[in-house]
N, C-alpha and C. Protein backbone atom coordinates (compact mmCIF):
# COMPACT_ATOMS: atom_id res chain seq x y z
N MET A 1 34.40 -26.51 -22.17
CA MET A 1 34.02 -26.33 -20.98
C MET A 1 33.49 -24.69 -20.78
N LYS A 2 34.32 -23.80 -21.44
CA LYS A 2 33.78 -22.59 -21.83
C LYS A 2 32.34 -22.50 -22.16
N LYS A 3 32.06 -23.11 -23.28
CA LYS A 3 31.02 -23.25 -24.11
C LYS A 3 29.80 -23.75 -22.83
N VAL A 4 30.03 -24.60 -22.16
CA VAL A 4 29.10 -25.13 -21.28
C VAL A 4 28.65 -24.35 -20.25
N LEU A 5 29.71 -23.43 -19.69
CA LEU A 5 29.35 -22.61 -18.66
C LEU A 5 28.53 -21.47 -19.25
N PHE A 6 29.06 -21.00 -20.50
CA PHE A 6 28.40 -19.91 -21.05
C PHE A 6 27.03 -20.21 -21.43
N SER A 7 26.55 -21.42 -21.92
CA SER A 7 25.46 -21.78 -22.23
C SER A 7 24.48 -21.88 -20.87
N THR A 8 24.95 -22.57 -20.08
CA THR A 8 24.43 -22.52 -18.57
C THR A 8 24.13 -21.02 -18.04
N LEU A 9 25.06 -20.24 -18.38
CA LEU A 9 24.53 -18.83 -17.73
C LEU A 9 23.52 -18.09 -18.59
N CYS A 10 23.72 -18.41 -19.87
CA CYS A 10 22.41 -17.85 -20.89
C CYS A 10 21.13 -18.45 -20.50
N VAL A 11 21.23 -19.47 -20.29
CA VAL A 11 19.85 -20.30 -19.83
C VAL A 11 19.30 -19.61 -18.55
N ALA A 12 20.28 -19.44 -17.55
CA ALA A 12 19.78 -18.90 -16.15
C ALA A 12 19.62 -17.67 -16.28
N VAL A 13 20.18 -16.60 -17.13
CA VAL A 13 19.77 -15.39 -17.51
C VAL A 13 18.32 -15.23 -18.20
N LEU A 14 18.22 -15.98 -19.03
CA LEU A 14 16.80 -16.15 -19.92
C LEU A 14 15.87 -16.57 -18.92
N ALA A 15 16.16 -17.30 -17.95
CA ALA A 15 15.14 -17.69 -17.14
C ALA A 15 14.58 -16.79 -16.07
N CYS A 16 15.72 -16.01 -15.44
CA CYS A 16 15.49 -15.10 -14.46
C CYS A 16 14.63 -13.70 -15.20
N THR A 17 15.12 -13.51 -16.51
CA THR A 17 14.41 -12.49 -17.28
C THR A 17 12.83 -12.82 -17.31
N ALA A 18 12.68 -14.02 -17.70
CA ALA A 18 11.33 -14.52 -18.17
C ALA A 18 10.53 -14.42 -16.68
N LEU A 19 11.04 -14.70 -15.66
CA LEU A 19 10.50 -14.70 -14.30
C LEU A 19 10.14 -13.23 -14.07
N PHE A 20 11.18 -12.44 -14.44
CA PHE A 20 10.98 -10.64 -13.94
C PHE A 20 9.79 -10.50 -14.73
N PHE A 21 9.95 -10.49 -16.10
CA PHE A 21 8.60 -10.06 -16.87
C PHE A 21 7.34 -10.62 -16.63
N GLN A 22 7.34 -11.92 -16.15
CA GLN A 22 6.07 -12.30 -15.67
C GLN A 22 5.55 -12.01 -14.28
N SER A 23 6.35 -11.68 -13.37
CA SER A 23 6.11 -11.06 -12.28
C SER A 23 5.49 -9.68 -12.44
N PHE A 24 6.26 -9.08 -13.28
CA PHE A 24 5.77 -7.47 -13.77
C PHE A 24 4.47 -7.44 -14.35
N THR A 25 4.23 -8.12 -15.37
CA THR A 25 3.14 -8.02 -16.23
C THR A 25 1.88 -8.64 -15.13
N THR A 26 2.05 -9.71 -14.20
CA THR A 26 0.88 -10.01 -13.53
C THR A 26 0.57 -8.91 -12.35
N LYS A 27 1.41 -7.98 -11.84
CA LYS A 27 1.25 -7.20 -10.92
C LYS A 27 0.20 -6.09 -11.39
N LYS A 28 -0.89 -5.93 -10.50
CA LYS A 28 -1.94 -4.99 -10.82
C LYS A 28 -1.58 -3.64 -9.91
N GLN A 29 -1.60 -2.56 -11.11
CA GLN A 29 -1.47 -1.45 -10.42
C GLN A 29 -2.65 -0.67 -9.86
N SER A 30 -2.25 -0.05 -8.61
CA SER A 30 -3.42 0.52 -8.00
C SER A 30 -3.05 1.90 -7.77
N GLN A 31 -4.23 2.83 -7.51
CA GLN A 31 -3.84 4.20 -7.30
C GLN A 31 -4.86 4.71 -6.41
N THR A 32 -4.62 5.65 -5.54
CA THR A 32 -5.83 6.34 -4.85
C THR A 32 -6.47 7.61 -5.62
N ILE A 33 -7.77 7.37 -5.63
CA ILE A 33 -8.31 8.43 -6.62
C ILE A 33 -9.40 9.18 -5.88
N LYS A 34 -9.75 10.32 -6.42
CA LYS A 34 -11.12 11.00 -5.71
C LYS A 34 -12.13 10.93 -6.60
N ILE A 35 -13.10 10.62 -6.05
CA ILE A 35 -14.48 10.90 -6.87
C ILE A 35 -15.28 11.90 -6.18
N TYR A 36 -15.28 12.78 -7.43
CA TYR A 36 -16.04 13.96 -6.87
C TYR A 36 -17.31 14.45 -7.55
N ASN A 37 -18.46 14.72 -6.68
CA ASN A 37 -19.72 14.94 -7.02
C ASN A 37 -19.77 16.45 -7.63
N ASN A 38 -19.66 16.64 -8.84
CA ASN A 38 -19.75 18.10 -9.22
C ASN A 38 -21.12 18.11 -9.97
N SER A 39 -22.15 17.54 -9.66
CA SER A 39 -23.42 17.58 -9.93
C SER A 39 -24.30 18.23 -8.97
N LYS A 40 -25.50 18.65 -9.43
CA LYS A 40 -26.81 19.38 -8.72
C LYS A 40 -27.32 18.42 -7.42
N TRP A 41 -26.90 17.17 -7.73
CA TRP A 41 -27.98 16.10 -6.93
C TRP A 41 -26.99 15.44 -5.93
N ASP A 42 -27.73 14.82 -4.94
CA ASP A 42 -27.22 13.85 -3.93
C ASP A 42 -27.10 12.55 -4.72
N ILE A 43 -25.94 11.73 -4.64
CA ILE A 43 -25.58 10.76 -4.86
C ILE A 43 -25.79 9.67 -3.89
N ASP A 44 -26.57 8.61 -4.02
CA ASP A 44 -26.73 7.62 -2.78
C ASP A 44 -25.85 6.60 -2.79
N HIS A 45 -25.58 6.09 -3.99
CA HIS A 45 -24.96 4.73 -4.24
C HIS A 45 -23.96 5.11 -5.51
N ILE A 46 -22.69 4.48 -5.34
CA ILE A 46 -21.73 4.25 -6.29
C ILE A 46 -21.33 2.93 -6.46
N TYR A 47 -21.42 2.44 -7.50
CA TYR A 47 -21.14 0.84 -7.58
C TYR A 47 -20.28 0.86 -8.63
N ILE A 48 -19.17 0.00 -8.73
CA ILE A 48 -18.18 -0.32 -9.79
C ILE A 48 -18.07 -1.93 -9.97
N SER A 49 -17.99 -2.12 -11.16
CA SER A 49 -17.64 -3.51 -11.76
C SER A 49 -16.51 -3.71 -12.79
N HIS A 50 -15.78 -4.59 -12.59
CA HIS A 50 -14.83 -4.79 -13.88
C HIS A 50 -15.71 -5.09 -15.13
N VAL A 51 -15.42 -4.62 -16.22
CA VAL A 51 -16.13 -5.03 -17.39
C VAL A 51 -16.37 -6.27 -17.71
N ASP A 52 -15.46 -7.02 -17.07
CA ASP A 52 -15.81 -8.62 -17.40
C ASP A 52 -16.72 -9.32 -16.51
N LYS A 53 -17.03 -8.69 -15.31
CA LYS A 53 -17.80 -9.25 -14.25
C LYS A 53 -19.27 -8.93 -14.50
N ALA A 54 -20.25 -9.78 -14.20
CA ALA A 54 -21.73 -9.78 -14.40
C ALA A 54 -22.48 -9.26 -13.33
N SER A 55 -21.75 -8.75 -12.05
CA SER A 55 -22.38 -8.50 -10.95
C SER A 55 -21.58 -7.17 -10.45
N TRP A 56 -22.39 -6.18 -9.88
CA TRP A 56 -21.78 -5.27 -9.26
C TRP A 56 -21.10 -5.35 -7.82
N GLY A 57 -20.09 -4.40 -7.74
CA GLY A 57 -19.30 -4.77 -6.43
C GLY A 57 -20.07 -3.91 -5.40
N SER A 58 -19.60 -3.89 -4.16
CA SER A 58 -20.21 -3.36 -3.06
C SER A 58 -20.31 -1.79 -3.19
N ASP A 59 -21.20 -1.21 -2.52
CA ASP A 59 -21.49 0.39 -2.77
C ASP A 59 -20.15 1.18 -2.14
N LEU A 60 -19.47 2.04 -2.96
CA LEU A 60 -18.42 2.77 -2.38
C LEU A 60 -18.89 3.76 -1.45
N LEU A 61 -20.02 4.08 -1.31
CA LEU A 61 -20.54 4.97 -0.31
C LEU A 61 -20.95 4.52 1.10
N GLY A 62 -21.11 3.21 0.96
CA GLY A 62 -21.69 2.45 2.00
C GLY A 62 -22.99 2.50 2.19
N SER A 63 -23.79 1.77 3.03
CA SER A 63 -25.09 1.91 3.22
C SER A 63 -25.79 3.19 3.49
N ASP A 64 -25.02 3.95 4.51
CA ASP A 64 -25.90 4.94 5.16
C ASP A 64 -25.03 6.12 4.56
N GLU A 65 -24.21 6.21 3.61
CA GLU A 65 -23.75 7.52 3.25
C GLU A 65 -24.35 8.35 2.13
N VAL A 66 -24.09 9.58 2.08
CA VAL A 66 -24.67 10.16 0.88
C VAL A 66 -23.54 11.28 0.39
N MET A 67 -23.47 11.31 -0.89
CA MET A 67 -22.46 12.30 -1.12
C MET A 67 -23.36 13.38 -1.88
N THR A 68 -23.12 14.63 -1.20
CA THR A 68 -23.85 15.69 -1.74
C THR A 68 -22.94 16.58 -2.51
N PRO A 69 -23.59 17.51 -3.56
CA PRO A 69 -22.80 18.31 -4.17
C PRO A 69 -21.68 19.02 -3.58
N GLY A 70 -20.58 18.80 -4.40
CA GLY A 70 -19.13 19.52 -3.87
C GLY A 70 -18.43 18.62 -3.19
N GLU A 71 -19.08 17.22 -2.62
CA GLU A 71 -18.23 16.35 -1.80
C GLU A 71 -17.55 15.37 -2.56
N TYR A 72 -16.41 14.65 -1.97
CA TYR A 72 -15.71 13.75 -2.70
C TYR A 72 -15.30 12.56 -1.80
N ILE A 73 -15.12 11.43 -2.34
CA ILE A 73 -14.57 10.43 -1.57
C ILE A 73 -13.32 10.01 -2.04
N THR A 74 -12.37 9.22 -1.33
CA THR A 74 -11.24 9.11 -1.71
C THR A 74 -11.22 7.42 -1.52
N VAL A 75 -10.88 6.69 -2.60
CA VAL A 75 -10.67 5.41 -2.65
C VAL A 75 -9.63 4.75 -3.55
N LYS A 76 -8.98 3.63 -2.82
CA LYS A 76 -7.58 2.94 -3.54
C LYS A 76 -8.42 1.84 -4.40
N ILE A 77 -7.93 1.88 -5.62
CA ILE A 77 -8.86 1.24 -6.79
C ILE A 77 -7.68 0.73 -7.57
N GLU A 78 -7.90 -0.69 -8.09
CA GLU A 78 -7.07 -1.30 -9.22
C GLU A 78 -7.32 -0.53 -10.32
N CYS A 79 -6.20 -0.18 -10.92
CA CYS A 79 -6.33 0.63 -12.26
C CYS A 79 -6.95 -0.46 -13.57
N ALA A 80 -7.97 0.01 -14.16
CA ALA A 80 -8.48 -1.12 -15.06
C ALA A 80 -9.89 -0.18 -15.55
N ILE A 81 -10.68 -0.93 -16.46
CA ILE A 81 -11.73 -0.53 -17.21
C ILE A 81 -13.04 -1.16 -16.34
N TYR A 82 -13.70 -0.23 -15.95
CA TYR A 82 -14.92 -0.35 -15.32
C TYR A 82 -16.17 0.00 -15.78
N ASP A 83 -17.31 -0.88 -15.29
CA ASP A 83 -18.65 -0.13 -15.66
C ASP A 83 -18.98 0.40 -14.21
N VAL A 84 -19.75 1.60 -14.53
CA VAL A 84 -20.10 2.28 -13.02
C VAL A 84 -21.54 2.49 -12.79
N LYS A 85 -22.12 2.37 -11.87
CA LYS A 85 -23.57 2.55 -11.41
C LYS A 85 -23.54 3.56 -10.57
N LEU A 86 -24.48 4.54 -10.67
CA LEU A 86 -24.70 5.86 -9.73
C LEU A 86 -26.22 5.72 -9.64
N VAL A 87 -26.62 6.01 -8.23
CA VAL A 87 -28.01 6.16 -7.92
C VAL A 87 -28.04 7.27 -7.19
N ASP A 88 -29.00 8.38 -7.72
CA ASP A 88 -29.08 9.77 -7.13
C ASP A 88 -30.18 9.62 -5.96
N GLU A 89 -30.57 10.66 -5.50
CA GLU A 89 -31.45 11.03 -4.24
C GLU A 89 -32.93 10.46 -4.58
N ASP A 90 -33.32 10.66 -5.95
CA ASP A 90 -34.59 10.20 -6.20
C ASP A 90 -34.74 8.76 -6.82
N GLY A 91 -33.61 8.05 -6.86
CA GLY A 91 -33.58 6.64 -6.99
C GLY A 91 -33.28 6.53 -8.48
N VAL A 92 -32.82 7.51 -9.32
CA VAL A 92 -32.54 7.51 -10.80
C VAL A 92 -31.30 6.77 -11.00
N ILE A 93 -31.14 5.80 -11.73
CA ILE A 93 -30.01 5.12 -12.02
C ILE A 93 -29.34 5.57 -13.12
N CYS A 94 -27.89 5.84 -13.16
CA CYS A 94 -27.03 6.11 -14.29
C CYS A 94 -26.23 5.04 -14.46
N GLU A 95 -25.87 4.24 -15.52
CA GLU A 95 -25.00 3.45 -15.73
C GLU A 95 -24.03 3.81 -16.82
N LEU A 96 -22.74 3.88 -16.51
CA LEU A 96 -21.72 4.12 -17.48
C LEU A 96 -20.87 3.07 -17.89
N ALA A 97 -20.70 2.85 -19.17
CA ALA A 97 -19.78 1.26 -19.54
C ALA A 97 -18.59 2.09 -19.95
N ASP A 98 -17.64 1.10 -19.58
CA ASP A 98 -16.27 1.09 -20.31
C ASP A 98 -15.61 2.48 -19.67
N VAL A 99 -15.41 2.69 -18.26
CA VAL A 99 -14.86 3.84 -17.79
C VAL A 99 -13.41 3.55 -17.61
N THR A 100 -12.42 4.24 -18.11
CA THR A 100 -10.99 4.10 -17.80
C THR A 100 -10.96 4.79 -16.31
N ILE A 101 -10.45 3.98 -15.17
CA ILE A 101 -10.02 4.48 -14.11
C ILE A 101 -8.56 4.47 -13.89
N CYS A 102 -7.70 5.36 -13.42
CA CYS A 102 -6.33 5.46 -13.30
C CYS A 102 -5.81 5.86 -14.78
N ASP A 103 -6.25 6.56 -15.46
CA ASP A 103 -5.88 7.05 -16.88
C ASP A 103 -5.21 8.12 -16.79
N ASP A 104 -4.17 8.07 -15.96
CA ASP A 104 -3.36 9.48 -15.60
C ASP A 104 -4.35 10.51 -14.85
N ASP A 105 -5.32 10.05 -14.38
CA ASP A 105 -6.27 10.91 -13.58
C ASP A 105 -6.21 10.48 -12.17
N SER A 106 -6.17 11.48 -11.14
CA SER A 106 -6.58 11.28 -9.87
C SER A 106 -7.93 11.66 -9.22
N ILE A 107 -8.51 12.19 -10.09
CA ILE A 107 -9.99 12.77 -9.66
C ILE A 107 -10.84 12.26 -10.96
N TRP A 108 -12.10 11.71 -10.62
CA TRP A 108 -13.11 11.40 -11.16
C TRP A 108 -14.20 12.27 -11.04
N ALA A 109 -14.49 13.21 -11.81
CA ALA A 109 -15.73 14.17 -11.39
C ALA A 109 -16.96 13.70 -12.08
N ILE A 110 -18.28 13.65 -11.28
CA ILE A 110 -19.32 13.08 -11.66
C ILE A 110 -20.39 14.45 -11.80
N GLY A 111 -20.40 14.94 -13.21
CA GLY A 111 -21.22 15.93 -13.53
C GLY A 111 -22.67 15.92 -13.91
N ASP A 112 -23.16 16.87 -13.95
CA ASP A 112 -24.57 17.06 -14.64
C ASP A 112 -24.88 16.42 -15.95
N LEU A 113 -23.68 16.53 -16.77
CA LEU A 113 -23.84 16.12 -18.13
C LEU A 113 -23.14 14.81 -18.45
N THR A 114 -22.97 14.02 -17.22
CA THR A 114 -22.58 12.62 -17.40
C THR A 114 -23.41 11.95 -18.08
N LYS A 115 -22.89 11.14 -19.14
CA LYS A 115 -23.69 10.43 -20.08
C LYS A 115 -23.91 9.08 -19.45
N CYS A 116 -25.53 8.89 -19.66
CA CYS A 116 -25.80 7.48 -18.89
C CYS A 116 -26.41 6.75 -19.83
N LYS A 117 -26.40 5.53 -19.62
CA LYS A 117 -27.31 4.61 -20.70
C LYS A 117 -28.48 3.93 -20.10
């Protein structure tokens, strides 16, 4: 009888542990970050997309907002690896691949030397 109870208890503990780890690993961590324009140019659009997606998300600045040099926006975002598309005041497009967002940074600065492809 003791072996049956112990076996049942072990199975229950293992099942609960598996459920706990499954729920822990499926949760997406998100963080509030500041995107700071540390460049000399106005930024008219900022688009991000998960690296595994084929299309860009919505403009983080909105349709009529412009981020001037020295300004920042605050966004809550799922921690992941993204592709980023920036469009400046002259319509010049800068695409950055494989940007890790939430890698222990709460500020992401866009500078004049940001490497575009």
